[in-house]
Amino acid sequence: MDKALSGVRILDMTHVQAGPTASQLMAWLGADVIKFEPPTGDVTRGQLRDVLNADSLYFTMLNCNKRSITVNMKNPVGKEVFIALLKECDVVMENFGPGVLDRLGFSWKKIHEINPAIVLASIKGFGSSGPYADFKAYENVAQAMGGAMATTGFMDGPPLVTGAQIGDSGTGLHFVIGILAALHQRQRTGKGQFVEVAMMDSVMNLCRVKFRDHQRLSRGSLAEYSMPTDGLKDTPRSGNDSGGGQLGNAIKCKPGGPNDYLYVVVQEAVWDALARRVGGEALAADPRFTTIQLRRKNQQEMWRLLTEFASNHAKWDLMKILNEIDVPCGPILGTEDLMND
């Protein structure tokens, strides 16, 4: 079947998660991806293995739709194989440590000489220039240095990594965008480009809304946050606050297990119906909550009242109740929930 990237051949030298995420996405879109591994194989083939004598799920879930070849790049014959593949491919991807490809004798200039139309796509922790260029990065290092950890968690606790792999898989998404742009431009110029994505930059981009709040802090407090923000220089860790134009938070439901929560967004348009459902006419007319400005000011009490109501309902039941009055909401789903949904 003809797909968007049918006819595109990718030589994928990347390993672990960020690069393989990108090449897998492009393979799903129709590209022919050749995974180029050292004789020992991608390290994730054996990492976190739970089935004896089989490649780990960590490896297969990121590489299941690719062809594979093992080549020793420190051997002259291996380099000849690499050169032959460069001549047949549209894209070559790598996420080696800083300078590794150059030391093997394959700088961007050399690769471009071998195949002027090829796109060289590179993932680095912090890019190939600047004060951090020689440093290595992993998922959580990128989260730490890209602004994610400082803004995740609660202000009375330590910074936290997020469960979503924004440092690796998030970088992979940015990588795909850059590669597709280079392939599109090649249609006009006939020449390949060097594409580089830094993990730190990718995390910063995914945290862009937090930099919106950073600017706003210099002009006053952030009323949508449930904790005081006066005098802060950094965007705070906001717990489960939505941190947006509409108030939102996770409210605890029965029976009170670790994932028995419903995330609720209190839009302006739904407050009247929500208040009546939770507390009748008395809550709907309560002067503490009649405008969004007042609900922001008194949100701790608002969330207390909503949580008291939620304590009588399981999360799925409460979701149904609130959806009947158009309140945006969703239960916190664990991995077991999702695997059986």
Protein backbone atom coordinates (compact mmCIF):
# COMPACT_ATOMS: atom_id res chain seq x y z
CA MET A 1 0.00 0.00 0.00
CA ASP A 2 1.31 3.44 -0.94
CA LYS A 3 1.93 5.59 2.14
CA ALA A 4 3.14 9.13 2.72
CA LEU A 5 6.83 8.13 3.03
CA SER A 6 6.83 5.18 0.62
CA GLY A 7 10.07 5.24 -1.35
CA VAL A 8 12.05 6.97 1.43
CA ARG A 9 14.91 4.88 2.81
CA ILE A 10 16.37 5.68 6.23
CA LEU A 11 19.63 4.41 7.68
CA ASP A 12 19.00 4.47 11.42
CA MET A 13 22.14 4.41 13.54
CA THR A 14 20.31 5.62 16.65
CA HIS A 15 19.88 3.59 19.81
CA VAL A 16 17.81 3.48 23.01
CA GLN A 17 14.68 5.66 22.68
CA ALA A 18 14.79 9.18 21.18
CA GLY A 19 16.07 8.25 17.71
CA PRO A 20 14.25 4.90 17.44
CA THR A 21 11.01 6.71 18.30
CA ALA A 22 11.51 8.97 15.29
CA SER A 23 12.48 6.23 12.84
CA GLN A 24 9.59 4.05 13.99
CA LEU A 25 7.10 6.85 13.32
CA MET A 26 8.52 7.33 9.84
CA ALA A 27 8.40 3.57 9.20
CA TRP A 28 4.71 3.60 10.12
CA LEU A 29 4.33 6.34 7.52
CA GLY A 30 5.86 4.06 4.89
CA ALA A 31 9.62 4.67 5.05
CA ASP A 32 11.99 1.71 4.65
CA VAL A 33 14.06 1.91 7.85
CA ILE A 34 17.31 -0.05 8.12
CA LYS A 35 18.45 -0.25 11.73
CA PHE A 36 22.25 -0.10 11.70
CA GLU A 37 23.63 -1.77 14.84
CA PRO A 38 27.11 -2.61 16.16
CA PRO A 39 27.99 -6.31 16.44
CA THR A 40 26.79 -6.28 20.06
CA GLY A 41 23.37 -4.92 18.99
CA ASP A 42 21.34 -2.06 20.40
CA VAL A 43 21.86 -2.10 24.16
CA THR A 44 18.10 -2.12 24.76
CA ARG A 45 17.77 -5.60 23.22
CA GLY A 46 18.82 -6.97 26.61
CA GLN A 47 17.70 -4.20 28.96
CA LEU A 48 14.74 -4.88 31.27
CA ARG A 49 14.11 -8.22 29.55
CA ASP A 50 11.22 -10.20 31.01
CA VAL A 51 11.11 -13.10 28.50
CA LEU A 52 14.16 -15.39 28.55
CA ASN A 53 16.24 -15.55 25.34
CA ALA A 54 14.13 -12.91 23.58
CA ASP A 55 14.66 -9.26 22.73
CA SER A 56 13.18 -7.07 25.45
CA LEU A 57 9.84 -5.33 24.99
CA TYR A 58 11.76 -2.07 25.48
CA PHE A 59 13.59 -2.84 22.23
CA THR A 60 10.77 -4.35 20.20
CA MET A 61 8.22 -1.66 21.04
CA LEU A 62 10.52 0.92 19.43
CA ASN A 63 11.97 -1.12 16.56
CA CYS A 64 9.34 -3.64 15.50
CA ASN A 65 8.78 -2.26 11.98
CA LYS A 66 12.39 -1.97 10.76
CA ARG A 67 14.93 -4.08 8.96
CA SER A 68 18.28 -4.56 10.70
CA ILE A 69 21.95 -5.00 9.90
CA THR A 70 24.95 -5.33 12.21
CA VAL A 71 28.17 -3.66 11.09
CA ASN A 72 31.50 -3.07 12.78
CA MET A 73 32.34 0.55 11.96
CA LYS A 74 35.86 0.15 13.33
CA ASN A 75 36.62 -2.34 10.57
CA PRO A 76 37.54 -1.15 7.01
CA VAL A 77 35.02 -3.57 5.49
CA GLY A 78 32.36 -2.24 7.83
CA LYS A 79 33.07 1.29 6.66
CA GLU A 80 32.72 0.16 3.05
CA VAL A 81 29.30 -1.28 3.88
CA PHE A 82 28.35 2.01 5.54
CA ILE A 83 29.43 4.02 2.49
CA ALA A 84 27.45 1.74 0.18
CA LEU A 85 24.34 2.24 2.32
CA LEU A 86 24.83 6.02 2.41
CA LYS A 87 24.65 6.04 -1.38
CA GLU A 88 21.29 4.22 -1.30
CA CYS A 89 19.56 6.12 1.50
CA ASP A 90 17.68 9.40 1.78
CA VAL A 91 18.30 9.95 5.49
CA VAL A 92 20.95 8.81 7.95
CA MET A 93 20.14 9.23 11.64
CA GLU A 94 22.53 9.15 14.60
CA ASN A 95 22.50 9.91 18.32
CA PHE A 96 26.07 9.00 19.27
CA GLY A 97 27.96 10.91 21.91
CA PRO A 98 29.54 14.19 20.87
CA GLY A 99 32.13 13.75 18.07
CA VAL A 100 31.78 9.96 17.64
CA LEU A 101 30.78 10.03 13.96
CA ASP A 102 33.57 12.51 13.16
CA ARG A 103 36.15 10.26 14.84
CA LEU A 104 34.96 7.36 12.69
CA GLY A 105 35.83 9.50 9.66
CA PHE A 106 32.31 10.52 8.68
CA SER A 107 31.78 14.21 9.28
CA TRP A 108 28.76 15.95 7.72
CA LYS A 109 31.08 17.28 5.01
CA LYS A 110 32.31 13.74 4.20
CA ILE A 111 28.78 12.26 4.21
CA HIS A 112 27.54 15.08 1.96
CA GLU A 113 30.39 14.38 -0.48
CA ILE A 114 29.38 10.71 -0.64
CA ASN A 115 25.71 11.54 -1.22
CA PRO A 116 24.84 15.24 -1.78
CA ALA A 117 21.10 14.47 -1.50
CA ILE A 118 21.21 12.70 1.85
CA VAL A 119 19.85 14.24 5.04
CA LEU A 120 22.05 13.75 8.11
CA ALA A 121 19.89 13.93 11.23
CA SER A 122 21.56 14.12 14.63
CA ILE A 123 20.23 14.04 18.20
CA LYS A 124 22.41 15.48 20.93
CA GLY A 125 21.71 16.22 24.56
CA PHE A 126 22.58 19.90 24.24
CA GLY A 127 23.46 20.45 20.58
CA SER A 128 26.87 20.49 18.93
CA SER A 129 27.87 23.97 20.08
CA GLY A 130 27.70 25.97 23.29
CA PRO A 131 28.94 25.37 26.85
CA TYR A 132 27.13 22.02 27.30
CA ALA A 133 27.98 20.54 23.89
CA ASP A 134 30.35 17.88 25.26
CA PHE A 135 27.99 16.72 28.00
CA LYS A 136 25.90 13.55 27.76
CA ALA A 137 22.17 13.50 28.48
CA TYR A 138 19.47 11.01 29.33
CA GLU A 139 15.68 11.38 29.59
CA ASN A 140 15.66 12.75 33.12
CA VAL A 141 18.71 14.96 32.58
CA ALA A 142 16.86 16.64 29.72
CA GLN A 143 13.79 17.05 31.95
CA ALA A 144 15.98 18.55 34.69
CA MET A 145 17.70 21.06 32.42
CA GLY A 146 14.77 21.85 30.14
CA GLY A 147 12.45 23.25 32.82
CA ALA A 148 10.14 20.26 33.26
CA MET A 149 11.27 19.07 36.70
CA ALA A 150 11.29 22.54 38.23
CA THR A 151 7.64 22.97 37.28
CA THR A 152 6.40 19.44 38.11
CA GLY A 153 5.28 18.40 41.60
CA PHE A 154 4.11 20.43 44.58
CA MET A 155 5.84 23.48 46.01
CA ASP A 156 6.33 21.86 49.41
CA GLY A 157 8.10 18.88 47.83
CA PRO A 158 11.08 18.18 45.56
CA PRO A 159 11.05 18.68 41.77
CA LEU A 160 9.73 15.58 39.99
CA VAL A 161 10.25 13.87 36.66
CA THR A 162 7.10 13.28 34.66
CA GLY A 163 6.03 9.76 33.71
CA ALA A 164 5.71 10.81 30.06
CA GLN A 165 9.00 10.42 28.17
CA ILE A 166 9.20 14.03 27.01
CA GLY A 167 13.01 14.02 26.96
CA ASP A 168 13.33 10.99 24.67
CA SER A 169 10.07 10.43 22.80
CA GLY A 170 9.38 14.18 22.86
CA THR A 171 12.75 14.77 21.21
CA GLY A 172 11.90 12.03 18.69
CA LEU A 173 8.80 13.95 17.62
CA HIS A 174 10.80 17.14 17.09
CA PHE A 175 13.34 15.03 15.17
CA VAL A 176 10.68 13.77 12.76
CA ILE A 177 9.49 17.33 12.10
CA GLY A 178 13.03 18.46 11.24
CA ILE A 179 13.70 15.46 8.98
CA LEU A 180 10.42 15.88 7.10
CA ALA A 181 11.15 19.58 6.58
CA ALA A 182 14.60 18.72 5.16
CA LEU A 183 13.12 16.12 2.81
CA HIS A 184 10.52 18.65 1.66
CA GLN A 185 13.17 21.29 0.96
CA ARG A 186 15.24 18.72 -0.92
CA GLN A 187 12.42 18.47 -3.44
CA ARG A 188 13.19 22.09 -4.39
CA THR A 189 16.98 22.16 -4.04
CA GLY A 190 18.02 18.55 -4.71
CA LYS A 191 20.40 18.80 -1.75
CA GLY A 192 20.29 17.24 1.69
CA GLN A 193 20.69 19.14 4.92
CA PHE A 194 22.17 18.63 8.36
CA VAL A 195 19.34 18.45 10.93
CA GLU A 196 20.14 18.63 14.62
CA VAL A 197 17.78 18.38 17.59
CA ALA A 198 18.85 18.89 21.20
CA MET A 199 17.01 17.07 23.96
CA MET A 200 17.19 20.07 26.30
CA ASP A 201 15.69 22.33 23.61
CA SER A 202 12.88 19.87 22.94
CA VAL A 203 11.89 19.76 26.61
CA MET A 204 12.01 23.56 26.81
CA ASN A 205 9.70 23.77 23.81
CA LEU A 206 7.23 21.38 25.47
CA CYS A 207 7.40 23.60 28.58
CA ARG A 208 6.73 26.80 26.64
CA VAL A 209 3.56 27.64 28.58
CA LYS A 210 5.60 27.74 31.78
CA PHE A 211 7.72 30.49 30.23
CA ARG A 212 4.50 32.41 29.55
CA ASP A 213 3.93 32.33 33.31
CA HIS A 214 7.55 33.24 33.98
CA GLN A 215 7.03 36.52 32.13
CA ARG A 216 3.73 37.17 33.90
CA LEU A 217 5.37 36.74 37.33
CA SER A 218 7.33 39.95 36.77
CA ARG A 219 4.04 41.83 36.49
CA GLY A 220 2.08 40.31 39.36
CA SER A 221 0.75 37.12 40.93
CA LEU A 222 -0.70 34.17 39.02
CA ALA A 223 -4.33 34.02 40.14
CA GLU A 224 -5.01 30.65 38.49
CA TYR A 225 -2.54 28.88 40.80
CA SER A 226 -3.93 27.56 44.07
CA MET A 227 -0.84 28.59 46.03
CA PRO A 228 0.54 32.13 46.59
CA THR A 229 2.91 33.28 43.84
CA ASP A 230 3.75 36.80 45.01
CA GLY A 231 7.48 37.51 44.89
CA LEU A 232 8.42 34.32 43.04
CA LYS A 233 11.07 34.53 40.33
CA ASP A 234 10.53 31.02 38.93
CA THR A 235 7.29 29.58 37.62
CA PRO A 236 6.16 27.41 40.55
CA ARG A 237 5.45 23.72 40.72
CA SER A 238 1.69 23.81 40.44
CA GLY A 239 0.67 20.34 41.59
CA ASN A 240 -2.45 19.40 39.66
CA ASP A 241 -3.62 22.96 38.99
CA SER A 242 -4.49 23.41 35.34
CA GLY A 243 -2.32 26.54 35.20
CA GLY A 244 -4.47 27.85 32.35
CA GLY A 245 -7.40 30.15 31.72
CA GLN A 246 -9.84 27.63 33.20
CA LEU A 247 -9.49 26.21 36.71
CA GLY A 248 -8.77 22.49 36.88
CA ASN A 249 -7.65 19.91 39.40
CA ALA A 250 -7.76 16.21 40.31
CA ILE A 251 -10.43 15.41 42.90
CA LYS A 252 -10.42 12.24 44.98
CA CYS A 253 -13.25 9.72 44.50
CA LYS A 254 -14.30 6.58 46.33
CA PRO A 255 -13.02 4.07 47.31
CA GLY A 256 -9.90 6.20 47.68
CA GLY A 257 -7.26 4.10 45.91
CA PRO A 258 -4.05 5.58 44.45
CA ASN A 259 -5.70 6.28 41.07
CA ASP A 260 -9.25 6.95 42.27
CA TYR A 261 -9.28 10.54 41.06
CA LEU A 262 -11.15 12.47 38.41
CA TYR A 263 -9.56 15.45 36.69
CA VAL A 264 -12.14 18.21 36.38
CA VAL A 265 -11.95 21.46 34.42
CA VAL A 266 -14.34 24.13 35.68
CA GLN A 267 -15.11 26.17 32.59
CA GLU A 268 -16.93 29.46 33.08
CA ALA A 269 -19.80 28.17 30.95
CA VAL A 270 -20.42 25.11 33.14
CA TRP A 271 -20.07 26.55 36.63
CA ASP A 272 -23.76 27.28 37.14
CA ALA A 273 -24.86 23.74 36.21
CA LEU A 274 -21.96 22.19 38.15
CA ALA A 275 -22.73 24.24 41.27
CA ARG A 276 -26.40 23.24 41.15
CA ARG A 277 -25.50 19.56 40.74
CA VAL A 278 -23.04 19.64 43.63
CA GLY A 279 -24.67 22.05 46.08
CA GLY A 280 -28.02 23.13 44.74
CA GLU A 281 -29.20 26.74 44.50
CA ALA A 282 -27.21 27.69 47.59
CA LEU A 283 -23.87 26.92 45.93
CA ALA A 284 -24.95 28.42 42.61
CA ALA A 285 -25.72 31.69 44.40
CA ASP A 286 -22.72 31.60 46.76
CA PRO A 287 -21.05 35.03 46.37
CA ARG A 288 -17.59 33.45 46.74
CA PHE A 289 -17.91 31.69 43.39
CA THR A 290 -20.18 33.75 41.12
CA THR A 291 -17.37 34.91 38.78
CA ILE A 292 -14.20 33.24 37.57
CA GLN A 293 -12.14 35.88 39.38
CA LEU A 294 -13.87 34.97 42.65
CA ARG A 295 -13.52 31.23 41.98
CA ARG A 296 -9.80 31.73 41.44
CA LYS A 297 -9.54 33.68 44.68
CA ASN A 298 -11.50 31.04 46.60
CA GLN A 299 -10.49 27.94 44.68
CA GLN A 300 -9.21 26.04 47.70
CA GLU A 301 -12.73 26.08 49.15
CA MET A 302 -14.28 25.32 45.75
CA TRP A 303 -12.09 22.23 45.35
CA ARG A 304 -12.90 21.16 48.92
CA LEU A 305 -16.62 21.23 48.14
CA LEU A 306 -16.17 19.36 44.86
CA THR A 307 -14.00 16.73 46.58
CA GLU A 308 -16.62 16.27 49.29
CA PHE A 309 -19.19 15.60 46.57
CA ALA A 310 -16.81 13.24 44.73
CA SER A 311 -16.21 11.18 47.86
CA ASN A 312 -19.66 9.62 47.34
CA HIS A 313 -18.94 8.47 43.77
CA ALA A 314 -16.49 6.19 41.95
CA LYS A 315 -14.47 7.99 39.27
CA TRP A 316 -16.30 6.42 36.32
CA ASP A 317 -19.70 7.20 37.85
CA LEU A 318 -18.68 10.78 38.55
CA MET A 319 -17.40 11.15 35.01
CA LYS A 320 -20.84 10.14 33.72
CA ILE A 321 -22.61 12.56 36.08
CA LEU A 322 -20.43 15.49 35.04
CA ASN A 323 -20.52 14.70 31.33
CA GLU A 324 -24.31 14.97 31.48
CA ILE A 325 -23.85 18.68 32.25
CA ASP A 326 -20.93 19.15 29.80
CA VAL A 327 -18.16 19.44 32.40
CA PRO A 328 -14.80 18.45 30.85
CA CYS A 329 -13.36 15.67 32.98
CA GLY A 330 -11.50 12.39 32.86
CA PRO A 331 -10.55 9.65 35.33
CA ILE A 332 -6.91 9.09 36.20
CA LEU A 333 -6.13 5.84 34.38
CA GLY A 334 -3.31 3.56 35.45
CA THR A 335 -1.46 1.26 33.09
CA GLU A 336 -3.75 -1.64 34.04
CA ASP A 337 -6.81 0.49 33.24
CA LEU A 338 -5.41 1.41 29.85
CA MET A 339 -4.33 -2.11 28.94
CA ASN A 340 -7.88 -3.32 29.50
CA ASP A 341 -9.84 -0.36 28.13
